[in-house]
Amino acid sequence: MKTSVYNNLKAIVHQKCPNCGAGDVFKKRSIFSVGIPEMHEKCPDCGYFFEREPGYFLGAMYLSYGLGVFQGILAFLTASFLCSNLSPFALVGVVATTILVFAMWNFKLSRVIWLYIFPQ
């Protein structure tokens, strides 16, 4: 299936299957649930297997780390430009809070990006 870059980016952000673009990669959960998000074993729509072998998503950790670093730098720059009189401890707090708030989103997004980078 030929898709445009825009459609792929949209599917990545919405965490859709890299094969069909319609099925969800992660199981639906309540917004109040706590814990690591669960992935479907295969796409509910097309049957595409997400995890090919044990340790397949090990490389996704590097993507998640990169996303966290990018968000931390962005938070640091934004906080230091908007509030130039913040103490270094306050800046560290802003950066740490930003990284913690986006941690689960980064986890899910990095796995979906990994699926799109290395399709079956």
PDB file of N, CA and C in Angstrom:
ATOM      1  N   MET A   1       0.833  -1.176   0.000  1.00  0.00           N
ATOM      2  CA  MET A   1       0.000   0.000   0.000  1.00  0.00           C
ATOM      3  C   MET A   1       0.880   1.242   0.000  1.00  0.00           C
ATOM      4  N   LYS A   2       0.716   2.097  -0.987  1.00  0.00           N
ATOM      5  CA  LYS A   2       1.479   3.347  -1.083  1.00  0.00           C
ATOM      6  C   LYS A   2       0.803   4.415  -0.230  1.00  0.00           C
ATOM      7  N   THR A   3       1.586   5.049   0.613  1.00  0.00           N
ATOM      8  CA  THR A   3       1.050   6.124   1.437  1.00  0.00           C
ATOM      9  C   THR A   3       1.993   7.304   1.392  1.00  0.00           C
ATOM     10  N   SER A   4       1.474   8.465   1.678  1.00  0.00           N
ATOM     11  CA  SER A   4       2.295   9.667   1.692  1.00  0.00           C
ATOM     12  C   SER A   4       2.968   9.822   3.050  1.00  0.00           C
ATOM     13  N   VAL A   5       3.935  10.697   3.085  1.00  0.00           N
ATOM     14  CA  VAL A   5       4.640  10.972   4.338  1.00  0.00           C
ATOM     15  C   VAL A   5       3.656  11.544   5.361  1.00  0.00           C
ATOM     16  N   TYR A   6       2.752  12.403   4.908  1.00  0.00           N
ATOM     17  CA  TYR A   6       1.760  12.985   5.808  1.00  0.00           C
ATOM     18  C   TYR A   6       0.895  11.900   6.441  1.00  0.00           C
ATOM     19  N   ASN A   7       0.434  10.932   5.627  1.00  0.00           N
ATOM     20  CA  ASN A   7      -0.404   9.853   6.163  1.00  0.00           C
ATOM     21  C   ASN A   7       0.374   8.987   7.145  1.00  0.00           C
ATOM     22  N   ASN A   8       1.659   8.729   6.857  1.00  0.00           N
ATOM     23  CA  ASN A   8       2.479   7.952   7.791  1.00  0.00           C
ATOM     24  C   ASN A   8       2.667   8.691   9.104  1.00  0.00           C
ATOM     25  N   LEU A   9       2.958   9.996   9.052  1.00  0.00           N
ATOM     26  CA  LEU A   9       3.128  10.773  10.281  1.00  0.00           C
ATOM     27  C   LEU A   9       1.834  10.819  11.091  1.00  0.00           C
ATOM     28  N   LYS A  10       0.732  10.954  10.400  1.00  0.00           N
ATOM     29  CA  LYS A  10      -0.575  10.964  11.069  1.00  0.00           C
ATOM     30  C   LYS A  10      -0.832   9.614  11.745  1.00  0.00           C
ATOM     31  N   ALA A  11      -0.511   8.517  11.048  1.00  0.00           N
ATOM     32  CA  ALA A  11      -0.710   7.184  11.614  1.00  0.00           C
ATOM     33  C   ALA A  11       0.227   6.943  12.797  1.00  0.00           C
ATOM     34  N   ILE A  12       1.450   7.465  12.734  1.00  0.00           N
ATOM     35  CA  ILE A  12       2.390   7.319  13.852  1.00  0.00           C
ATOM     36  C   ILE A  12       1.866   8.054  15.079  1.00  0.00           C
ATOM     37  N   VAL A  13       1.425   9.283  14.898  1.00  0.00           N
ATOM     38  CA  VAL A  13       0.921  10.070  16.029  1.00  0.00           C
ATOM     39  C   VAL A  13      -0.318   9.422  16.637  1.00  0.00           C
ATOM     40  N   HIS A  14      -1.173   8.837  15.785  1.00  0.00           N
ATOM     41  CA  HIS A  14      -2.386   8.184  16.284  1.00  0.00           C
ATOM     42  C   HIS A  14      -2.147   6.724  16.665  1.00  0.00           C
ATOM     43  N   GLN A  15      -0.887   6.267  16.538  1.00  0.00           N
ATOM     44  CA  GLN A  15      -0.448   4.925  16.942  1.00  0.00           C
ATOM     45  C   GLN A  15      -1.245   3.840  16.232  1.00  0.00           C
ATOM     46  N   LYS A  16      -1.200   3.914  14.905  1.00  0.00           N
ATOM     47  CA  LYS A  16      -1.905   2.952  14.067  1.00  0.00           C
ATOM     48  C   LYS A  16      -0.926   1.965  13.442  1.00  0.00           C
ATOM     49  N   CYS A  17      -1.437   0.866  12.958  1.00  0.00           N
ATOM     50  CA  CYS A  17      -0.671  -0.217  12.356  1.00  0.00           C
ATOM     51  C   CYS A  17       0.132   0.281  11.150  1.00  0.00           C
ATOM     52  N   PRO A  18       1.412  -0.115  11.027  1.00  0.00           N
ATOM     53  CA  PRO A  18       2.205   0.319   9.879  1.00  0.00           C
ATOM     54  C   PRO A  18       1.813  -0.378   8.576  1.00  0.00           C
ATOM     55  N   ASN A  19       1.089  -1.476   8.667  1.00  0.00           N
ATOM     56  CA  ASN A  19       0.696  -2.211   7.467  1.00  0.00           C
ATOM     57  C   ASN A  19      -0.576  -1.644   6.846  1.00  0.00           C
ATOM     58  N   CYS A  20      -1.639  -1.520   7.650  1.00  0.00           N
ATOM     59  CA  CYS A  20      -2.927  -1.066   7.113  1.00  0.00           C
ATOM     60  C   CYS A  20      -3.256   0.382   7.478  1.00  0.00           C
ATOM     61  N   GLY A  21      -2.658   0.894   8.540  1.00  0.00           N
ATOM     62  CA  GLY A  21      -2.916   2.271   8.958  1.00  0.00           C
ATOM     63  C   GLY A  21      -4.237   2.459   9.678  1.00  0.00           C
ATOM     64  N   ALA A  22      -4.944   1.367   9.959  1.00  0.00           N
ATOM     65  CA  ALA A  22      -6.258   1.492  10.589  1.00  0.00           C
ATOM     66  C   ALA A  22      -6.302   0.906  11.997  1.00  0.00           C
ATOM     67  N   GLY A  23      -5.650  -0.232  12.211  1.00  0.00           N
ATOM     68  CA  GLY A  23      -5.712  -0.905  13.507  1.00  0.00           C
ATOM     69  C   GLY A  23      -4.862  -0.227  14.559  1.00  0.00           C
ATOM     70  N   ASP A  24      -5.308  -0.293  15.807  1.00  0.00           N
ATOM     71  CA  ASP A  24      -4.557   0.290  16.922  1.00  0.00           C
ATOM     72  C   ASP A  24      -3.412  -0.632  17.319  1.00  0.00           C
ATOM     73  N   VAL A  25      -2.257  -0.037  17.609  1.00  0.00           N
ATOM     74  CA  VAL A  25      -1.104  -0.807  18.071  1.00  0.00           C
ATOM     75  C   VAL A  25      -1.272  -1.152  19.552  1.00  0.00           C
ATOM     76  N   PHE A  26      -1.797  -0.226  20.325  1.00  0.00           N
ATOM     77  CA  PHE A  26      -1.955  -0.420  21.767  1.00  0.00           C
ATOM     78  C   PHE A  26      -3.410  -0.642  22.131  1.00  0.00           C
ATOM     79  N   LYS A  27      -3.620  -1.424  23.195  1.00  0.00           N
ATOM     80  CA  LYS A  27      -4.967  -1.691  23.696  1.00  0.00           C
ATOM     81  C   LYS A  27      -5.513  -0.432  24.348  1.00  0.00           C
ATOM     82  N   LYS A  28      -6.820  -0.254  24.214  1.00  0.00           N
ATOM     83  CA  LYS A  28      -7.480   0.901  24.822  1.00  0.00           C
ATOM     84  C   LYS A  28      -7.535   0.711  26.329  1.00  0.00           C
ATOM     85  N   ARG A  29      -7.239   1.801  27.059  1.00  0.00           N
ATOM     86  CA  ARG A  29      -7.274   1.766  28.521  1.00  0.00           C
ATOM     87  C   ARG A  29      -7.942   3.025  29.038  1.00  0.00           C
ATOM     88  N   SER A  30      -8.349   2.960  30.273  1.00  0.00           N
ATOM     89  CA  SER A  30      -8.917   4.125  30.932  1.00  0.00           C
ATOM     90  C   SER A  30      -7.812   5.153  31.163  1.00  0.00           C
ATOM     91  N   ILE A  31      -8.166   6.414  31.152  1.00  0.00           N
ATOM     92  CA  ILE A  31      -7.158   7.449  31.399  1.00  0.00           C
ATOM     93  C   ILE A  31      -6.667   7.413  32.841  1.00  0.00           C
ATOM     94  N   PHE A  32      -7.384   6.723  33.710  1.00  0.00           N
ATOM     95  CA  PHE A  32      -6.995   6.640  35.108  1.00  0.00           C
ATOM     96  C   PHE A  32      -6.166   5.393  35.422  1.00  0.00           C
ATOM     97  N   SER A  33      -5.959   4.522  34.430  1.00  0.00           N
ATOM     98  CA  SER A  33      -5.185   3.310  34.672  1.00  0.00           C
ATOM     99  C   SER A  33      -3.699   3.646  34.744  1.00  0.00           C
ATOM    100  N   VAL A  34      -3.007   2.896  35.581  1.00  0.00           N
ATOM    101  CA  VAL A  34      -1.586   3.123  35.802  1.00  0.00           C
ATOM    102  C   VAL A  34      -0.830   1.877  35.356  1.00  0.00           C
ATOM    103  N   GLY A  35       0.341   2.072  34.809  1.00  0.00           N
ATOM    104  CA  GLY A  35       1.158   0.944  34.397  1.00  0.00           C
ATOM    105  C   GLY A  35       1.637   1.086  32.964  1.00  0.00           C
ATOM    106  N   ILE A  36       2.394   0.094  32.540  1.00  0.00           N
ATOM    107  CA  ILE A  36       2.950   0.105  31.197  1.00  0.00           C
ATOM    108  C   ILE A  36       1.833  -0.223  30.204  1.00  0.00           C
ATOM    109  N   PRO A  37       1.717   0.562  29.134  1.00  0.00           N
ATOM    110  CA  PRO A  37       0.683   0.286  28.132  1.00  0.00           C
ATOM    111  C   PRO A  37       0.891  -1.086  27.484  1.00  0.00           C
ATOM    112  N   GLU A  38      -0.201  -1.764  27.170  1.00  0.00           N
ATOM    113  CA  GLU A  38      -0.138  -3.086  26.558  1.00  0.00           C
ATOM    114  C   GLU A  38      -0.356  -2.970  25.055  1.00  0.00           C
ATOM    115  N   MET A  39       0.492  -3.694  24.305  1.00  0.00           N
ATOM    116  CA  MET A  39       0.354  -3.740  22.862  1.00  0.00           C
ATOM    117  C   MET A  39      -0.506  -4.935  22.469  1.00  0.00           C
ATOM    118  N   HIS A  40      -1.200  -4.788  21.349  1.00  0.00           N
ATOM    119  CA  HIS A  40      -1.853  -5.941  20.749  1.00  0.00           C
ATOM    120  C   HIS A  40      -0.748  -6.842  20.198  1.00  0.00           C
ATOM    121  N   GLU A  41      -0.983  -8.150  20.222  1.00  0.00           N
ATOM    122  CA  GLU A  41      -0.004  -9.071  19.644  1.00  0.00           C
ATOM    123  C   GLU A  41       0.049  -8.910  18.128  1.00  0.00           C
ATOM    124  N   LYS A  42      -1.127  -8.689  17.541  1.00  0.00           N
ATOM    125  CA  LYS A  42      -1.207  -8.441  16.104  1.00  0.00           C
ATOM    126  C   LYS A  42      -2.290  -7.405  15.856  1.00  0.00           C
ATOM    127  N   CYS A  43      -2.282  -6.823  14.675  1.00  0.00           N
ATOM    128  CA  CYS A  43      -3.243  -5.778  14.326  1.00  0.00           C
ATOM    129  C   CYS A  43      -4.661  -6.339  14.341  1.00  0.00           C
ATOM    130  N   PRO A  44      -5.592  -5.658  15.013  1.00  0.00           N
ATOM    131  CA  PRO A  44      -6.979  -6.138  15.040  1.00  0.00           C
ATOM    132  C   PRO A  44      -7.650  -6.101  13.667  1.00  0.00           C
ATOM    133  N   ASP A  45      -7.137  -5.274  12.753  1.00  0.00           N
ATOM    134  CA  ASP A  45      -7.775  -5.154  11.439  1.00  0.00           C
ATOM    135  C   ASP A  45      -7.167  -6.072  10.384  1.00  0.00           C
ATOM    136  N   CYS A  46      -5.837  -6.113  10.279  1.00  0.00           N
ATOM    137  CA  CYS A  46      -5.206  -6.854   9.183  1.00  0.00           C
ATOM    138  C   CYS A  46      -4.392  -8.072   9.630  1.00  0.00           C
ATOM    139  N   GLY A  47      -4.184  -8.253  10.931  1.00  0.00           N
ATOM    140  CA  GLY A  47      -3.447  -9.409  11.427  1.00  0.00           C
ATOM    141  C   GLY A  47      -1.934  -9.278  11.368  1.00  0.00           C
ATOM    142  N   TYR A  48      -1.441  -8.090  11.117  1.00  0.00           N
ATOM    143  CA  TYR A  48       0.007  -7.828  11.056  1.00  0.00           C
ATOM    144  C   TYR A  48       0.616  -8.024  12.446  1.00  0.00           C
ATOM    145  N   PHE A  49       1.658  -8.872  12.552  1.00  0.00           N
ATOM    146  CA  PHE A  49       2.298  -9.113  13.845  1.00  0.00           C
ATOM    147  C   PHE A  49       3.223  -7.950  14.195  1.00  0.00           C
ATOM    148  N   PHE A  50       3.056  -7.416  15.409  1.00  0.00           N
ATOM    149  CA  PHE A  50       3.847  -6.265  15.831  1.00  0.00           C
ATOM    150  C   PHE A  50       5.212  -6.684  16.374  1.00  0.00           C
ATOM    151  N   GLU A  51       5.244  -7.676  17.238  1.00  0.00           N
ATOM    152  CA  GLU A  51       6.521  -8.091  17.817  1.00  0.00           C
ATOM    153  C   GLU A  51       7.018  -9.324  17.088  1.00  0.00           C
ATOM    154  N   ARG A  52       8.154  -9.181  16.426  1.00  0.00           N
ATOM    155  CA  ARG A  52       8.667 -10.262  15.606  1.00  0.00           C
ATOM    156  C   ARG A  52       9.477 -11.268  16.396  1.00  0.00           C
ATOM    157  N   GLU A  53      10.195 -10.811  17.389  1.00  0.00           N
ATOM    158  CA  GLU A  53      11.060 -11.690  18.182  1.00  0.00           C
ATOM    159  C   GLU A  53      11.276 -11.050  19.545  1.00  0.00           C
ATOM    160  N   PRO A  54      11.707 -11.831  20.538  1.00  0.00           N
ATOM    161  CA  PRO A  54      11.998 -11.238  21.853  1.00  0.00           C
ATOM    162  C   PRO A  54      13.111 -10.188  21.726  1.00  0.00           C
ATOM    163  N   GLY A  55      12.915  -9.063  22.346  1.00  0.00           N
ATOM    164  CA  GLY A  55      13.902  -7.994  22.300  1.00  0.00           C
ATOM    165  C   GLY A  55      13.804  -7.111  21.075  1.00  0.00           C
ATOM    166  N   TYR A  56      12.751  -7.284  20.273  1.00  0.00           N
ATOM    167  CA  TYR A  56      12.597  -6.506  19.049  1.00  0.00           C
ATOM    168  C   TYR A  56      12.549  -5.001  19.331  1.00  0.00           C
ATOM    169  N   PHE A  57      11.898  -4.621  20.424  1.00  0.00           N
ATOM    170  CA  PHE A  57      11.718  -3.199  20.721  1.00  0.00           C
ATOM    171  C   PHE A  57      12.843  -2.618  21.574  1.00  0.00           C
ATOM    172  N   LEU A  58      13.943  -3.314  21.696  1.00  0.00           N
ATOM    173  CA  LEU A  58      15.075  -2.797  22.457  1.00  0.00           C
ATOM    174  C   LEU A  58      15.586  -1.485  21.855  1.00  0.00           C
ATOM    175  N   GLY A  59      15.627  -1.408  20.548  1.00  0.00           N
ATOM    176  CA  GLY A  59      16.072  -0.186  19.880  1.00  0.00           C
ATOM    177  C   GLY A  59      15.130   0.980  20.079  1.00  0.00           C
ATOM    178  N   ALA A  60      13.856   0.691  20.380  1.00  0.00           N
ATOM    179  CA  ALA A  60      12.882   1.755  20.616  1.00  0.00           C
ATOM    180  C   ALA A  60      13.223   2.543  21.879  1.00  0.00           C
ATOM    181  N   MET A  61      13.988   1.918  22.785  1.00  0.00           N
ATOM    182  CA  MET A  61      14.418   2.639  23.992  1.00  0.00           C
ATOM    183  C   MET A  61      15.281   3.838  23.625  1.00  0.00           C
ATOM    184  N   TYR A  62      16.115   3.687  22.609  1.00  0.00           N
ATOM    185  CA  TYR A  62      16.965   4.789  22.175  1.00  0.00           C
ATOM    186  C   TYR A  62      16.131   5.919  21.583  1.00  0.00           C
ATOM    187  N   LEU A  63      15.081   5.557  20.866  1.00  0.00           N
ATOM    188  CA  LEU A  63      14.176   6.575  20.345  1.00  0.00           C
ATOM    189  C   LEU A  63      13.469   7.304  21.485  1.00  0.00           C
ATOM    190  N   SER A  64      13.022   6.550  22.476  1.00  0.00           N
ATOM    191  CA  SER A  64      12.353   7.148  23.625  1.00  0.00           C
ATOM    192  C   SER A  64      13.294   8.090  24.376  1.00  0.00           C
ATOM    193  N   TYR A  65      14.534   7.664  24.521  1.00  0.00           N
ATOM    194  CA  TYR A  65      15.535   8.508  25.174  1.00  0.00           C
ATOM    195  C   TYR A  65      15.744   9.797  24.380  1.00  0.00           C
ATOM    196  N   GLY A  66      15.852   9.674  23.070  1.00  0.00           N
ATOM    197  CA  GLY A  66      16.031  10.846  22.220  1.00  0.00           C
ATOM    198  C   GLY A  66      14.853  11.802  22.306  1.00  0.00           C
ATOM    199  N   LEU A  67      13.640  11.263  22.331  1.00  0.00           N
ATOM    200  CA  LEU A  67      12.456  12.106  22.488  1.00  0.00           C
ATOM    201  C   LEU A  67      12.477  12.830  23.827  1.00  0.00           C
ATOM    202  N   GLY A  68      12.849  12.116  24.888  1.00  0.00           N
ATOM    203  CA  GLY A  68      12.918  12.720  26.214  1.00  0.00           C
ATOM    204  C   GLY A  68      13.961  13.828  26.288  1.00  0.00           C
ATOM    205  N   VAL A  69      15.113  13.604  25.677  1.00  0.00           N
ATOM    206  CA  VAL A  69      16.165  14.628  25.665  1.00  0.00           C
ATOM    207  C   VAL A  69      15.689  15.848  24.888  1.00  0.00           C
ATOM    208  N   PHE A  70      15.071  15.617  23.737  1.00  0.00           N
ATOM    209  CA  PHE A  70      14.560  16.729  22.932  1.00  0.00           C
ATOM    210  C   PHE A  70      13.526  17.541  23.711  1.00  0.00           C
ATOM    211  N   GLN A  71      12.593  16.856  24.371  1.00  0.00           N
ATOM    212  CA  GLN A  71      11.575  17.548  25.152  1.00  0.00           C
ATOM    213  C   GLN A  71      12.177  18.280  26.345  1.00  0.00           C
ATOM    214  N   GLY A  72      13.190  17.675  26.967  1.00  0.00           N
ATOM    215  CA  GLY A  72      13.861  18.333  28.089  1.00  0.00           C
ATOM    216  C   GLY A  72      14.581  19.599  27.658  1.00  0.00           C
ATOM    217  N   ILE A  73      15.274  19.538  26.530  1.00  0.00           N
ATOM    218  CA  ILE A  73      15.969  20.733  26.011  1.00  0.00           C
ATOM    219  C   ILE A  73      14.957  21.799  25.638  1.00  0.00           C
ATOM    220  N   LEU A  74      13.866  21.394  24.999  1.00  0.00           N
ATOM    221  CA  LEU A  74      12.827  22.348  24.626  1.00  0.00           C
ATOM    222  C   LEU A  74      12.209  23.002  25.864  1.00  0.00           C
ATOM    223  N   ALA A  75      11.959  22.216  26.907  1.00  0.00           N
ATOM    224  CA  ALA A  75      11.398  22.759  28.151  1.00  0.00           C
ATOM    225  C   ALA A  75      12.383  23.704  28.816  1.00  0.00           C
ATOM    226  N   PHE A  76      13.673  23.342  28.818  1.00  0.00           N
ATOM    227  CA  PHE A  76      14.698  24.201  29.405  1.00  0.00           C
ATOM    228  C   PHE A  76      14.770  25.540  28.679  1.00  0.00           C
ATOM    229  N   LEU A  77      14.823  25.488  27.350  1.00  0.00           N
ATOM    230  CA  LEU A  77      14.920  26.724  26.582  1.00  0.00           C
ATOM    231  C   LEU A  77      13.678  27.590  26.736  1.00  0.00           C
ATOM    232  N   THR A  78      12.522  26.962  26.713  1.00  0.00           N
ATOM    233  CA  THR A  78      11.270  27.708  26.879  1.00  0.00           C
ATOM    234  C   THR A  78      11.197  28.358  28.253  1.00  0.00           C
ATOM    235  N   ALA A  79      11.510  27.604  29.301  1.00  0.00           N
ATOM    236  CA  ALA A  79      11.449  28.145  30.666  1.00  0.00           C
ATOM    237  C   ALA A  79      12.489  29.232  30.882  1.00  0.00           C
ATOM    238  N   SER A  80      13.686  29.051  30.331  1.00  0.00           N
ATOM    239  CA  SER A  80      14.726  30.057  30.557  1.00  0.00           C
ATOM    240  C   SER A  80      14.464  31.343  29.781  1.00  0.00           C
ATOM    241  N   PHE A  81      13.791  31.247  28.634  1.00  0.00           N
ATOM    242  CA  PHE A  81      13.477  32.468  27.887  1.00  0.00           C
ATOM    243  C   PHE A  81      12.238  33.165  28.422  1.00  0.00           C
ATOM    244  N   LEU A  82      11.246  32.406  28.857  1.00  0.00           N
ATOM    245  CA  LEU A  82      10.020  33.017  29.369  1.00  0.00           C
ATOM    246  C   LEU A  82      10.196  33.558  30.790  1.00  0.00           C
ATOM    247  N   CYS A  83      10.969  32.876  31.600  1.00  0.00           N
ATOM    248  CA  CYS A  83      11.205  33.287  32.983  1.00  0.00           C
ATOM    249  C   CYS A  83      12.706  33.319  33.217  1.00  0.00           C
ATOM    250  N   SER A  84      13.340  34.393  32.840  1.00  0.00           N
ATOM    251  CA  SER A  84      14.802  34.470  32.893  1.00  0.00           C
ATOM    252  C   SER A  84      15.349  34.497  34.327  1.00  0.00           C
ATOM    253  N   ASN A  85      14.508  34.750  35.322  1.00  0.00           N
ATOM    254  CA  ASN A  85      14.987  34.831  36.705  1.00  0.00           C
ATOM    255  C   ASN A  85      14.777  33.517  37.482  1.00  0.00           C
ATOM    256  N   LEU A  86      14.515  32.408  36.795  1.00  0.00           N
ATOM    257  CA  LEU A  86      14.354  31.126  37.481  1.00  0.00           C
ATOM    258  C   LEU A  86      15.694  30.620  37.987  1.00  0.00           C
ATOM    259  N   SER A  87      15.675  30.025  39.159  1.00  0.00           N
ATOM    260  CA  SER A  87      16.894  29.442  39.708  1.00  0.00           C
ATOM    261  C   SER A  87      17.229  28.151  38.957  1.00  0.00           C
ATOM    262  N   PRO A  88      18.484  27.705  39.042  1.00  0.00           N
ATOM    263  CA  PRO A  88      18.839  26.441  38.391  1.00  0.00           C
ATOM    264  C   PRO A  88      18.017  25.259  38.905  1.00  0.00           C
ATOM    265  N   PHE A  89      17.671  25.258  40.198  1.00  0.00           N
ATOM    266  CA  PHE A  89      16.850  24.186  40.754  1.00  0.00           C
ATOM    267  C   PHE A  89      15.445  24.186  40.152  1.00  0.00           C
ATOM    268  N   ALA A  90      14.894  25.365  39.923  1.00  0.00           N
ATOM    269  CA  ALA A  90      13.571  25.462  39.303  1.00  0.00           C
ATOM    270  C   ALA A  90      13.624  24.973  37.852  1.00  0.00           C
ATOM    271  N   LEU A  91      14.697  25.295  37.151  1.00  0.00           N
ATOM    272  CA  LEU A  91      14.849  24.821  35.770  1.00  0.00           C
ATOM    273  C   LEU A  91      14.950  23.296  35.719  1.00  0.00           C
ATOM    274  N   VAL A  92      15.699  22.722  36.660  1.00  0.00           N
ATOM    275  CA  VAL A  92      15.800  21.261  36.730  1.00  0.00           C
ATOM    276  C   VAL A  92      14.424  20.663  37.011  1.00  0.00           C
ATOM    277  N   GLY A  93      13.663  21.301  37.877  1.00  0.00           N
ATOM    278  CA  GLY A  93      12.307  20.834  38.169  1.00  0.00           C
ATOM    279  C   GLY A  93      11.400  20.892  36.952  1.00  0.00           C
ATOM    280  N   VAL A  94      11.513  21.961  36.181  1.00  0.00           N
ATOM    281  CA  VAL A  94      10.705  22.089  34.961  1.00  0.00           C
ATOM    282  C   VAL A  94      11.067  20.992  33.964  1.00  0.00           C
ATOM    283  N   VAL A  95      12.361  20.767  33.775  1.00  0.00           N
ATOM    284  CA  VAL A  95      12.823  19.746  32.825  1.00  0.00           C
ATOM    285  C   VAL A  95      12.398  18.348  33.295  1.00  0.00           C
ATOM    286  N   ALA A  96      12.597  18.044  34.566  1.00  0.00           N
ATOM    287  CA  ALA A  96      12.241  16.722  35.100  1.00  0.00           C
ATOM    288  C   ALA A  96      10.730  16.486  35.011  1.00  0.00           C
ATOM    289  N   THR A  97       9.949  17.497  35.323  1.00  0.00           N
ATOM    290  CA  THR A  97       8.492  17.369  35.239  1.00  0.00           C
ATOM    291  C   THR A  97       8.056  17.122  33.799  1.00  0.00           C
ATOM    292  N   THR A  98       8.648  17.839  32.870  1.00  0.00           N
ATOM    293  CA  THR A  98       8.316  17.660  31.454  1.00  0.00           C
ATOM    294  C   THR A  98       8.617  16.237  31.003  1.00  0.00           C
ATOM    295  N   ILE A  99       9.783  15.734  31.373  1.00  0.00           N
ATOM    296  CA  ILE A  99      10.175  14.380  30.978  1.00  0.00           C
ATOM    297  C   ILE A  99       9.241  13.342  31.597  1.00  0.00           C
ATOM    298  N   LEU A 100       8.869  13.523  32.861  1.00  0.00           N
ATOM    299  CA  LEU A 100       7.964  12.578  33.525  1.00  0.00           C
ATOM    300  C   LEU A 100       6.555  12.607  32.942  1.00  0.00           C
ATOM    301  N   VAL A 101       6.086  13.801  32.595  1.00  0.00           N
ATOM    302  CA  VAL A 101       4.735  13.926  32.045  1.00  0.00           C
ATOM    303  C   VAL A 101       4.631  13.216  30.693  1.00  0.00           C
ATOM    304  N   PHE A 102       5.671  13.308  29.881  1.00  0.00           N
ATOM    305  CA  PHE A 102       5.640  12.720  28.549  1.00  0.00           C
ATOM    306  C   PHE A 102       6.224  11.311  28.479  1.00  0.00           C
ATOM    307  N   ALA A 103       6.583  10.698  29.581  1.00  0.00           N
ATOM    308  CA  ALA A 103       7.261   9.399  29.578  1.00  0.00           C
ATOM    309  C   ALA A 103       6.433   8.295  28.912  1.00  0.00           C
ATOM    310  N   MET A 104       5.176   8.133  29.290  1.00  0.00           N
ATOM    311  CA  MET A 104       4.350   7.070  28.703  1.00  0.00           C
ATOM    312  C   MET A 104       4.053   7.347  27.234  1.00  0.00           C
ATOM    313  N   TRP A 105       3.836   8.601  26.896  1.00  0.00           N
ATOM    314  CA  TRP A 105       3.605   8.957  25.494  1.00  0.00           C
ATOM    315  C   TRP A 105       4.852   8.646  24.669  1.00  0.00           C
ATOM    316  N   ASN A 106       6.038   8.942  25.211  1.00  0.00           N
ATOM    317  CA  ASN A 106       7.290   8.627  24.521  1.00  0.00           C
ATOM    318  C   ASN A 106       7.466   7.123  24.360  1.00  0.00           C
ATOM    319  N   PHE A 107       7.104   6.357  25.375  1.00  0.00           N
ATOM    320  CA  PHE A 107       7.198   4.902  25.309  1.00  0.00           C
ATOM    321  C   PHE A 107       6.383   4.367  24.138  1.00  0.00           C
ATOM    322  N   LYS A 108       5.133   4.801  24.056  1.00  0.00           N
ATOM    323  CA  LYS A 108       4.253   4.332  23.000  1.00  0.00           C
ATOM    324  C   LYS A 108       4.690   4.842  21.633  1.00  0.00           C
ATOM    325  N   LEU A 109       5.011   6.107  21.553  1.00  0.00           N
ATOM    326  CA  LEU A 109       5.404   6.703  20.279  1.00  0.00           C
ATOM    327  C   LEU A 109       6.687   6.084  19.735  1.00  0.00           C
ATOM    328  N   SER A 110       7.654   5.825  20.604  1.00  0.00           N
ATOM    329  CA  SER A 110       8.919   5.245  20.145  1.00  0.00           C
ATOM    330  C   SER A 110       8.720   3.835  19.594  1.00  0.00           C
ATOM    331  N   ARG A 111       7.822   3.066  20.192  1.00  0.00           N
ATOM    332  CA  ARG A 111       7.551   1.722  19.667  1.00  0.00           C
ATOM    333  C   ARG A 111       6.871   1.784  18.301  1.00  0.00           C
ATOM    334  N   VAL A 112       5.956   2.711  18.144  1.00  0.00           N
ATOM    335  CA  VAL A 112       5.279   2.836  16.851  1.00  0.00           C
ATOM    336  C   VAL A 112       6.257   3.318  15.786  1.00  0.00           C
ATOM    337  N   ILE A 113       7.100   4.275  16.125  1.00  0.00           N
ATOM    338  CA  ILE A 113       8.119   4.738  15.173  1.00  0.00           C
ATOM    339  C   ILE A 113       9.033   3.585  14.794  1.00  0.00           C
ATOM    340  N   TRP A 114       9.415   2.759  15.764  1.00  0.00           N
ATOM    341  CA  TRP A 114      10.283   1.609  15.507  1.00  0.00           C
ATOM    342  C   TRP A 114       9.619   0.646  14.518  1.00  0.00           C
ATOM    343  N   LEU A 115       8.313   0.446  14.674  1.00  0.00           N
ATOM    344  CA  LEU A 115       7.580  -0.408  13.741  1.00  0.00           C
ATOM    345  C   LEU A 115       7.608   0.164  12.325  1.00  0.00           C
ATOM    346  N   TYR A 116       7.527   1.474  12.217  1.00  0.00           N
ATOM    347  CA  TYR A 116       7.532   2.106  10.897  1.00  0.00           C
ATOM    348  C   TYR A 116       8.930   2.127  10.290  1.00  0.00           C
ATOM    349  N   ILE A 117       9.964   2.241  11.120  1.00  0.00           N
ATOM    350  CA  ILE A 117      11.336   2.241  10.594  1.00  0.00           C
ATOM    351  C   ILE A 117      11.714   0.859  10.088  1.00  0.00           C
ATOM    352  N   PHE A 118      11.360  -0.184  10.836  1.00  0.00           N
ATOM    353  CA  PHE A 118      11.735  -1.552  10.486  1.00  0.00           C
ATOM    354  C   PHE A 118      10.488  -2.403  10.258  1.00  0.00           C
ATOM    355  N   PRO A 119       9.838  -2.235   9.106  1.00  0.00           N
ATOM    356  CA  PRO A 119       8.657  -3.065   8.823  1.00  0.00           C
ATOM    357  C   PRO A 119       9.070  -4.501   8.532  1.00  0.00           C
ATOM    358  N   GLN A 120       8.130  -5.376   8.586  1.00  0.00           N
ATOM    359  CA  GLN A 120       8.394  -6.805   8.403  1.00  0.00           C
ATOM    360  C   GLN A 120       8.710  -7.123   6.962  1.00  0.00           C
TER     361      GLN A 120
END
